[in-house]
Structures are given as structure tokens and as C-alpha cells.
Amino acid sequence: MGTVKTDSFSTTYSNEQYALGSLRTQPADEVTAADASLKGDRVWMFVKASSAGFSANDLLERDSTSDPFQAKTSSASAALKRILLVGVADHAIAANQYGWVIVQGACVVKTASVSAGNTLCSKATAGTAEAASTGGAVFGYATSATSGGLSDAYIDLQ
């Protein structure tokens, strides 16, 4: 039987505590308890951060052609293909460290000029999403307008 995860999703590790690509569901009541504006279950994936690490709320992409679970802040490209996107960082993970990122469900993501209800895609600003009418593959939709460079969103990269 697999290991039961009981530590916080924001815990980071210096080694591979769980198999890369492992998934875990966070129940809706825990999601809402952490942020009252977010609703529903959330799915997390265990990844390794690139040599640059990444910041909270960054949109993430795959960083390696040999390891699909090594992640980095998304490139400054409005045309990223959906298969290259990994998820959204709920918290910072330092260079070459391990941790959990959101791949499905409600989260807070860096955005630019997004209105509630807009579908989201990568943007020509690293780590940021924008309204899908101006960019690449759709990975979610905004549930709030951009405020302070962030929006609440529902994503599906599973």
C-alpha cells in the first residue's frame, strides 16, 4: 500500500519524498478553510522544481524533455501547448526542491487584465495567464477579475 500523505501541501522537501507525478486530492472543506473565496476539491501533483525554482501563484510548465514532472515558471510565450503546462504553484518551491502543485480545481494564479468568466491561457509574460482570446491553449477560467496581478481561477491540467 502507498504512503499516506499527512503533512501540509505547502511543505517542501530536499529529496523525493513521494514518487514524482503522484496525485492527491484535497477535500473541498480544506480548500475553503484555507481561502474562503475558493470552492470544491483540488488535485495536487508532486513535482521537482527546476534549477531556478518558482514563486507562489506562478503558472508552471514542464522543464525537462526526460522528466515530465520537473517544473518551472511558464515561459514568456502566449502560445504554450496545453501538454507543456503542469499546474499552478500555491507556494514557492526553491531551486531543485520538491513539493506539491495544483493541477485541477480552484486556485489563485498570476494574471493580466482578466475578467471573471474569461477562459485562461499562457501569456507572453513568464508565469502569467491571460484571457484566452489573446493566447494559447485554454487550461482554465477566471472566477474573479485580475486584482493586484492575481485572479481566482478553476484549472484543469490533469
Protein backbone atom coordinates (compact mmCIF):
# COMPACT_ATOMS: atom_id res chain seq x y z
CA MET A 1 0.00 0.00 0.00
CA GLY A 2 1.23 3.54 -0.76
CA THR A 3 2.31 6.19 1.70
CA VAL A 4 -0.48 8.26 3.23
CA LYS A 5 0.30 11.96 2.97
CA THR A 6 -0.49 13.82 6.17
CA ASP A 7 1.84 16.84 6.04
CA SER A 8 0.82 20.21 4.65
CA PHE A 9 0.65 20.72 0.89
CA SER A 10 2.95 23.72 1.39
CA THR A 11 5.76 21.54 2.78
CA THR A 12 8.82 21.41 0.52
CA TYR A 13 11.50 18.74 0.53
CA SER A 14 15.16 18.39 -0.38
CA ASN A 15 14.57 14.87 -1.71
CA GLU A 16 11.87 12.86 -3.43
CA GLN A 17 9.52 12.06 -0.51
CA TYR A 18 6.81 10.80 -2.88
CA ALA A 19 7.03 9.44 -6.42
CA LEU A 20 7.18 12.29 -8.95
CA GLY A 21 3.79 12.69 -10.60
CA SER A 22 1.91 11.34 -7.56
CA LEU A 23 -1.55 12.87 -7.20
CA ARG A 24 -3.51 13.70 -4.06
CA THR A 25 -6.97 15.20 -3.65
CA GLN A 26 -7.64 17.94 -1.11
CA PRO A 27 -11.29 17.92 0.08
CA ALA A 28 -13.43 20.98 -0.58
CA ASP A 29 -13.79 21.86 3.11
CA GLU A 30 -9.98 22.13 3.46
CA VAL A 31 -9.73 24.26 0.30
CA THR A 32 -12.37 26.71 1.55
CA ALA A 33 -10.86 26.75 5.07
CA ALA A 34 -7.53 27.89 3.55
CA ASP A 35 -9.15 30.55 1.31
CA ALA A 36 -12.86 31.35 1.65
CA SER A 37 -13.07 32.56 -1.98
CA LEU A 38 -12.14 29.09 -3.33
CA LYS A 39 -14.59 26.19 -3.59
CA GLY A 40 -14.52 22.48 -4.46
CA ASP A 41 -11.99 19.66 -4.27
CA ARG A 42 -8.46 20.31 -5.53
CA VAL A 43 -5.97 17.84 -7.06
CA TRP A 44 -2.25 18.27 -6.36
CA MET A 45 0.78 16.71 -8.10
CA PHE A 46 4.22 16.06 -6.58
CA VAL A 47 6.97 17.70 -8.71
CA LYS A 48 10.60 18.74 -8.66
CA ALA A 49 11.33 22.46 -9.15
CA SER A 50 13.81 23.46 -11.87
CA SER A 51 17.21 24.94 -11.14
CA ALA A 52 15.51 28.35 -10.87
CA GLY A 53 12.64 27.31 -8.58
CA PHE A 54 9.30 29.15 -8.79
CA SER A 55 7.09 31.57 -6.88
CA ALA A 56 3.61 31.33 -5.40
CA ASN A 57 0.80 31.68 -7.96
CA ASP A 58 3.08 31.06 -10.97
CA LEU A 59 1.69 29.18 -13.95
CA LEU A 60 4.10 26.26 -14.44
CA GLU A 61 5.37 24.31 -17.42
CA ARG A 62 7.47 21.20 -17.90
CA ASP A 63 11.20 21.91 -17.64
CA SER A 64 12.70 18.73 -18.98
CA THR A 65 12.31 16.54 -22.01
CA SER A 66 13.32 13.49 -19.96
CA ASP A 67 11.30 14.11 -16.78
CA PRO A 68 7.70 15.27 -17.26
CA PHE A 69 7.40 16.10 -13.54
CA GLN A 70 10.17 18.70 -13.33
CA ALA A 71 8.51 22.12 -13.35
CA LYS A 72 9.48 25.74 -13.94
CA THR A 73 7.74 29.09 -14.24
CA SER A 74 5.99 29.15 -17.61
CA SER A 75 7.93 30.75 -20.45
CA ALA A 76 7.12 34.21 -21.74
CA SER A 77 5.02 32.75 -24.54
CA ALA A 78 1.40 33.23 -25.43
CA ALA A 79 1.46 30.02 -27.44
CA LEU A 80 2.37 27.29 -24.94
CA LYS A 81 0.72 24.00 -25.77
CA ARG A 82 -1.53 22.61 -23.01
CA ILE A 83 0.52 19.39 -22.72
CA LEU A 84 3.52 21.51 -21.64
CA LEU A 85 1.64 23.13 -18.75
CA VAL A 86 1.98 21.38 -15.37
CA GLY A 87 -0.13 23.37 -12.93
CA VAL A 88 -0.18 26.39 -10.64
CA ALA A 89 2.12 26.90 -7.66
CA ASP A 90 0.20 27.58 -4.46
CA HIS A 91 3.50 28.39 -2.71
CA ALA A 92 7.13 28.95 -3.67
CA ILE A 93 9.39 25.95 -4.18
CA ALA A 94 13.13 26.69 -4.21
CA ALA A 95 15.55 25.52 -6.90
CA ASN A 96 15.91 21.74 -7.16
CA GLN A 97 13.48 21.16 -4.27
CA TYR A 98 10.33 19.03 -4.30
CA GLY A 99 6.73 19.83 -3.46
CA TRP A 100 3.06 19.85 -4.45
CA VAL A 101 1.43 21.99 -7.17
CA ILE A 102 -2.24 22.33 -8.12
CA VAL A 103 -3.28 20.56 -11.33
CA GLN A 104 -7.07 20.69 -11.01
CA GLY A 105 -9.54 22.77 -9.03
CA ALA A 106 -9.78 26.24 -7.56
CA CYS A 107 -6.58 28.24 -7.05
CA VAL A 108 -5.06 31.71 -7.26
CA VAL A 109 -2.94 32.37 -10.37
CA LYS A 110 -0.96 35.33 -11.71
CA THR A 111 -3.00 37.06 -14.42
CA ALA A 112 -3.01 40.16 -16.58
CA SER A 113 -6.20 42.05 -17.48
CA VAL A 114 -8.57 39.14 -16.87
CA SER A 115 -12.28 39.45 -16.16
CA ALA A 116 -14.33 36.91 -14.21
CA GLY A 117 -15.55 34.25 -16.64
CA ASN A 118 -12.63 34.60 -19.07
CA THR A 119 -11.04 31.36 -20.16
CA LEU A 120 -7.30 31.32 -19.38
CA CYS A 121 -4.18 30.52 -21.38
CA SER A 122 -0.43 31.23 -21.13
CA LYS A 123 0.76 34.82 -21.68
CA ALA A 124 3.84 36.48 -23.12
CA THR A 125 4.82 37.28 -19.51
CA ALA A 126 6.53 34.44 -17.63
CA GLY A 127 4.35 32.64 -15.08
CA THR A 128 1.22 34.58 -16.02
CA ALA A 129 -2.16 33.72 -17.56
CA GLU A 130 -4.37 35.93 -19.71
CA ALA A 131 -7.76 35.81 -21.40
CA ALA A 132 -7.77 33.03 -23.99
CA SER A 133 -8.77 35.34 -26.84
CA THR A 134 -5.18 36.59 -26.93
CA GLY A 135 -3.11 33.47 -26.28
CA GLY A 136 -2.52 29.74 -26.47
CA ALA A 137 -4.26 26.61 -25.22
CA VAL A 138 -7.02 27.03 -22.62
CA PHE A 139 -6.25 25.47 -19.21
CA GLY A 140 -8.94 27.03 -17.00
CA TYR A 141 -11.19 30.00 -16.38
CA ALA A 142 -11.12 33.01 -14.08
CA THR A 143 -13.64 33.15 -11.25
CA SER A 144 -12.57 36.70 -10.35
CA ALA A 145 -11.12 39.66 -12.23
CA THR A 146 -7.41 40.46 -12.02
CA SER A 147 -6.66 42.34 -8.82
CA GLY A 148 -3.08 43.04 -7.81
CA GLY A 149 -1.85 40.78 -10.60
CA LEU A 150 -3.84 37.76 -9.34
CA SER A 151 -7.17 36.07 -10.08
CA ASP A 152 -9.09 33.24 -8.51
CA ALA A 153 -9.45 30.51 -11.12
CA TYR A 154 -10.57 26.97 -11.81
CA ILE A 155 -7.93 24.99 -13.70
CA ASP A 156 -7.85 21.52 -15.26
CA LEU A 157 -4.40 20.25 -16.25
CA GLN A 158 -4.91 16.69 -15.15
